[in-house]
N, C-alpha and C. Protein backbone atom coordinates (compact mmCIF):
# COMPACT_ATOMS: atom_id res chain seq x y z
N MET A 1 -86.25 72.61 -31.16
CA MET A 1 -86.76 73.50 -30.04
C MET A 1 -86.54 72.40 -29.06
N LYS A 2 -85.93 71.33 -29.54
CA LYS A 2 -85.16 70.39 -28.00
C LYS A 2 -83.37 70.44 -28.42
N GLU A 3 -83.13 70.86 -29.48
CA GLU A 3 -81.75 71.65 -28.99
C GLU A 3 -81.57 72.82 -28.04
N ALA A 4 -82.96 73.50 -28.31
CA ALA A 4 -83.13 74.74 -27.46
C ALA A 4 -82.70 74.59 -26.08
N PHE A 5 -83.72 73.46 -26.15
CA PHE A 5 -83.78 73.60 -24.46
C PHE A 5 -82.31 72.65 -23.83
N ASP A 6 -81.82 70.97 -24.71
CA ASP A 6 -80.64 71.09 -23.86
C ASP A 6 -79.59 71.71 -23.86
N LYS A 7 -80.13 72.81 -24.79
CA LYS A 7 -78.74 74.12 -24.53
C LYS A 7 -78.85 74.90 -23.22
N ASP A 8 -79.97 75.61 -23.39
CA ASP A 8 -80.95 76.16 -21.94
C ASP A 8 -80.15 75.30 -20.73
N VAL A 9 -80.65 73.90 -20.56
CA VAL A 9 -80.31 72.79 -19.19
C VAL A 9 -79.56 72.63 -19.15
N ALA A 10 -78.27 72.72 -20.51
CA ALA A 10 -76.61 72.54 -20.17
C ALA A 10 -75.99 73.63 -19.54
N PHE A 11 -76.56 75.57 -19.65
CA PHE A 11 -76.25 76.51 -18.76
C PHE A 11 -76.63 76.45 -17.96
N ILE A 12 -77.91 76.31 -17.10
CA ILE A 12 -78.55 75.88 -15.97
C ILE A 12 -77.28 74.87 -15.52
N ILE A 13 -76.72 73.66 -15.44
CA ILE A 13 -75.84 72.87 -15.00
C ILE A 13 -75.05 72.99 -14.88
N SER A 14 -74.42 74.43 -15.57
CA SER A 14 -72.78 74.72 -15.81
C SER A 14 -72.99 76.02 -14.34
N TYR A 15 -73.83 76.47 -14.63
CA TYR A 15 -73.67 77.77 -13.81
C TYR A 15 -74.71 77.06 -11.90
N ILE A 16 -74.67 75.92 -11.60
CA ILE A 16 -75.13 75.01 -10.80
C ILE A 16 -73.77 75.15 -10.33
N ARG A 17 -73.40 74.20 -10.90
CA ARG A 17 -71.65 73.61 -10.50
C ARG A 17 -70.81 74.73 -10.31
N GLY A 18 -70.79 76.09 -11.35
CA GLY A 18 -69.96 76.86 -11.23
C GLY A 18 -68.99 76.88 -11.50
N SER A 19 -69.31 75.94 -12.89
CA SER A 19 -68.07 76.22 -14.56
C SER A 19 -68.50 77.43 -14.74
N LYS A 20 -69.20 78.06 -15.16
CA LYS A 20 -69.05 79.67 -15.93
C LYS A 20 -68.30 80.59 -14.77
N GLU A 21 -68.13 80.49 -14.13
CA GLU A 21 -67.84 81.41 -12.48
C GLU A 21 -66.65 80.90 -12.31
N GLY A 22 -65.62 79.26 -12.67
CA GLY A 22 -64.92 79.27 -12.93
C GLY A 22 -64.06 78.79 -10.81
N ASN A 23 -65.62 78.43 -10.14
CA ASN A 23 -65.38 77.90 -9.15
C ASN A 23 -64.79 76.41 -9.31
N ASP A 24 -64.13 76.07 -8.40
CA ASP A 24 -63.46 74.78 -8.34
C ASP A 24 -65.34 74.00 -7.57
N GLU A 25 -65.06 73.02 -8.18
CA GLU A 25 -66.37 72.14 -8.44
C GLU A 25 -66.06 71.26 -7.44
N ARG A 26 -64.53 70.57 -6.89
CA ARG A 26 -64.53 69.68 -6.07
C ARG A 26 -64.51 70.36 -4.71
N SER A 27 -64.51 71.58 -5.04
CA SER A 27 -65.00 71.69 -3.08
C SER A 27 -65.98 72.26 -2.35
N GLY A 28 -66.71 71.47 -3.11
CA GLY A 28 -68.25 71.58 -2.46
C GLY A 28 -69.28 72.15 -2.38
N VAL A 29 -68.91 73.29 -3.26
CA VAL A 29 -69.85 74.74 -3.54
C VAL A 29 -70.84 74.24 -4.58
N ALA A 30 -70.41 73.43 -5.39
CA ALA A 30 -71.34 72.66 -6.39
C ALA A 30 -72.69 72.03 -5.49
N LEU A 31 -72.49 71.93 -4.83
CA LEU A 31 -73.36 70.27 -3.87
C LEU A 31 -74.16 71.55 -3.04
N GLU A 32 -73.53 72.54 -2.35
CA GLU A 32 -74.02 73.85 -1.90
C GLU A 32 -75.25 74.00 -2.37
N ARG A 33 -74.79 74.86 -3.75
CA ARG A 33 -75.56 75.35 -4.76
C ARG A 33 -76.57 74.66 -4.85
N SER A 34 -76.08 73.41 -5.50
CA SER A 34 -77.43 72.82 -6.13
C SER A 34 -78.72 72.14 -4.88
N ILE A 35 -78.13 71.81 -4.16
CA ILE A 35 -79.23 72.22 -2.24
C ILE A 35 -79.74 73.13 -2.83
N ALA A 36 -79.10 73.65 -2.53
CA ALA A 36 -79.86 75.64 -2.28
C ALA A 36 -80.89 75.48 -3.39
N CYS A 37 -80.66 75.57 -4.76
CA CYS A 37 -81.79 75.69 -5.74
C CYS A 37 -82.89 74.85 -5.50
N PHE A 38 -82.24 73.59 -5.15
CA PHE A 38 -83.55 72.85 -5.62
C PHE A 38 -84.42 72.55 -4.41
N SER A 39 -83.63 72.99 -3.00
CA SER A 39 -84.65 73.58 -2.11
C SER A 39 -85.72 74.99 -2.50
N VAL A 40 -85.34 76.02 -2.99
CA VAL A 40 -85.60 76.59 -3.47
C VAL A 40 -87.12 76.33 -4.87
N SER A 41 -86.28 75.31 -5.35
CA SER A 41 -87.47 75.02 -6.67
C SER A 41 -88.73 74.10 -6.15
N LEU A 42 -88.85 74.18 -4.38
CA LEU A 42 -89.81 73.75 -3.89
C LEU A 42 -90.78 73.95 -3.66
N GLY A 43 -90.21 75.65 -3.60
CA GLY A 43 -91.13 76.34 -3.34
C GLY A 43 -92.90 76.39 -3.42
N GLU A 44 -93.64 77.24 -3.47
CA GLU A 44 -94.54 77.68 -4.79
C GLU A 44 -94.26 77.69 -6.35
N VAL A 45 -94.62 76.93 -7.08
CA VAL A 45 -94.51 76.71 -8.29
C VAL A 45 -94.87 77.87 -9.31
N THR A 46 -93.96 78.78 -9.56
CA THR A 46 -94.44 79.93 -10.58
C THR A 46 -95.24 79.23 -11.86
N ARG A 47 -96.65 79.83 -11.79
CA ARG A 47 -97.04 79.98 -13.01
C ARG A 47 -96.83 80.78 -14.43
N VAL A 48 -96.43 79.98 -15.46
CA VAL A 48 -95.97 81.37 -16.79
C VAL A 48 -97.13 81.02 -17.71
N MET A 49 -96.80 82.17 -19.14
CA MET A 49 -97.99 82.35 -19.70
C MET A 49 -96.26 81.39 -21.27
N ILE A 50 -96.85 80.08 -21.50
CA ILE A 50 -96.19 80.04 -22.40
C ILE A 50 -96.50 79.37 -23.51
N GLY A 51 -96.57 79.74 -24.94
CA GLY A 51 -96.81 79.76 -25.99
C GLY A 51 -98.44 79.82 -26.46
N GLY A 52 -98.67 81.07 -25.17
CA GLY A 52 -100.26 80.87 -25.72
C GLY A 52 -101.45 80.72 -24.38
N ARG A 53 -100.59 79.76 -24.22
CA ARG A 53 -101.83 79.22 -22.76
C ARG A 53 -101.22 79.65 -21.34
N LYS A 54 -102.51 80.07 -21.14
CA LYS A 54 -102.47 80.50 -19.61
C LYS A 54 -101.70 79.71 -18.25
N ASN A 55 -101.26 80.56 -17.77
CA ASN A 55 -101.03 79.24 -15.79
C ASN A 55 -100.80 77.80 -16.50
N GLU A 56 -99.67 77.79 -17.09
CA GLU A 56 -98.96 76.84 -17.46
C GLU A 56 -97.97 76.31 -16.19
N LEU A 57 -97.41 75.58 -15.76
CA LEU A 57 -96.70 75.21 -14.30
C LEU A 57 -95.52 75.10 -15.12
N LEU A 58 -94.15 75.77 -14.27
CA LEU A 58 -93.68 75.77 -14.84
C LEU A 58 -92.08 74.78 -13.76
N VAL A 59 -92.00 73.50 -14.14
CA VAL A 59 -91.43 72.39 -13.06
C VAL A 59 -90.11 71.98 -13.59
N SER A 60 -89.59 71.96 -14.59
CA SER A 60 -88.62 71.73 -15.33
C SER A 60 -87.26 71.52 -14.23
N PHE A 61 -87.18 73.08 -14.06
CA PHE A 61 -86.44 73.22 -13.13
C PHE A 61 -85.85 72.99 -11.80
N ARG A 62 -87.01 71.75 -11.34
CA ARG A 62 -87.18 71.12 -10.07
C ARG A 62 -86.44 70.16 -10.57
N TYR A 63 -86.55 69.32 -11.64
CA TYR A 63 -86.18 68.00 -11.74
C TYR A 63 -84.99 68.20 -12.53
N ILE A 64 -84.53 69.95 -13.00
CA ILE A 64 -82.81 69.82 -13.52
C ILE A 64 -81.68 69.97 -12.21
N THR A 65 -82.27 70.84 -11.24
CA THR A 65 -81.80 70.88 -9.54
C THR A 65 -81.89 69.39 -8.98
N ALA A 66 -82.41 68.23 -9.33
CA ALA A 66 -82.43 67.22 -8.18
C ALA A 66 -81.16 66.56 -9.14
N ALA A 67 -81.11 65.84 -9.94
CA ALA A 67 -80.38 65.66 -11.02
C ALA A 67 -79.01 65.74 -10.89
N VAL A 68 -79.08 67.28 -10.54
CA VAL A 68 -77.60 67.97 -10.33
C VAL A 68 -77.36 67.63 -8.74
N CYS A 69 -78.12 67.96 -7.82
CA CYS A 69 -78.03 67.08 -6.30
C CYS A 69 -77.51 65.82 -6.13
N LEU A 70 -78.04 65.08 -7.16
CA LEU A 70 -77.70 63.27 -7.22
C LEU A 70 -76.11 63.55 -8.01
N ARG A 71 -76.05 64.42 -8.64
CA ARG A 71 -74.85 63.97 -9.70
C ARG A 71 -74.09 64.46 -8.61
N GLU A 72 -74.19 65.86 -7.92
CA GLU A 72 -72.61 65.99 -6.83
C GLU A 72 -72.73 65.54 -5.70
N MET A 73 -73.72 64.67 -5.17
CA MET A 73 -73.63 63.81 -4.18
C MET A 73 -73.37 62.66 -4.18
N ASP A 74 -73.29 61.45 -5.53
CA ASP A 74 -72.76 60.78 -6.07
C ASP A 74 -70.86 60.89 -6.17
N ARG A 75 -70.73 62.18 -6.80
CA ARG A 75 -69.17 62.42 -7.12
C ARG A 75 -68.58 62.70 -5.64
N ILE A 76 -69.31 63.24 -4.67
CA ILE A 76 -68.40 63.33 -4.02
C ILE A 76 -68.55 62.09 -2.82
N PHE A 77 -69.58 61.43 -2.50
CA PHE A 77 -69.47 60.73 -1.72
C PHE A 77 -69.69 59.29 -2.18
N GLY A 78 -69.92 59.27 -3.49
CA GLY A 78 -69.71 58.02 -4.34
C GLY A 78 -68.77 57.15 -4.45
């Protein structure tokens, strides 16, 4: 399960950074996209059904986007 989670997180990070689309990560697009994703993640948290349990909060995306934001800011301004 951890391996599947790590694979999914790696995919999300590469998509936010533009790696899957061939964008130049140094152009600032990755920072702009990560800020936009983080902004969206701060909205209403969607409740989903996970593993038979109802109304589980889905908040992992918020942490992933915050980490990508910080990494991109450090890469550009650090």
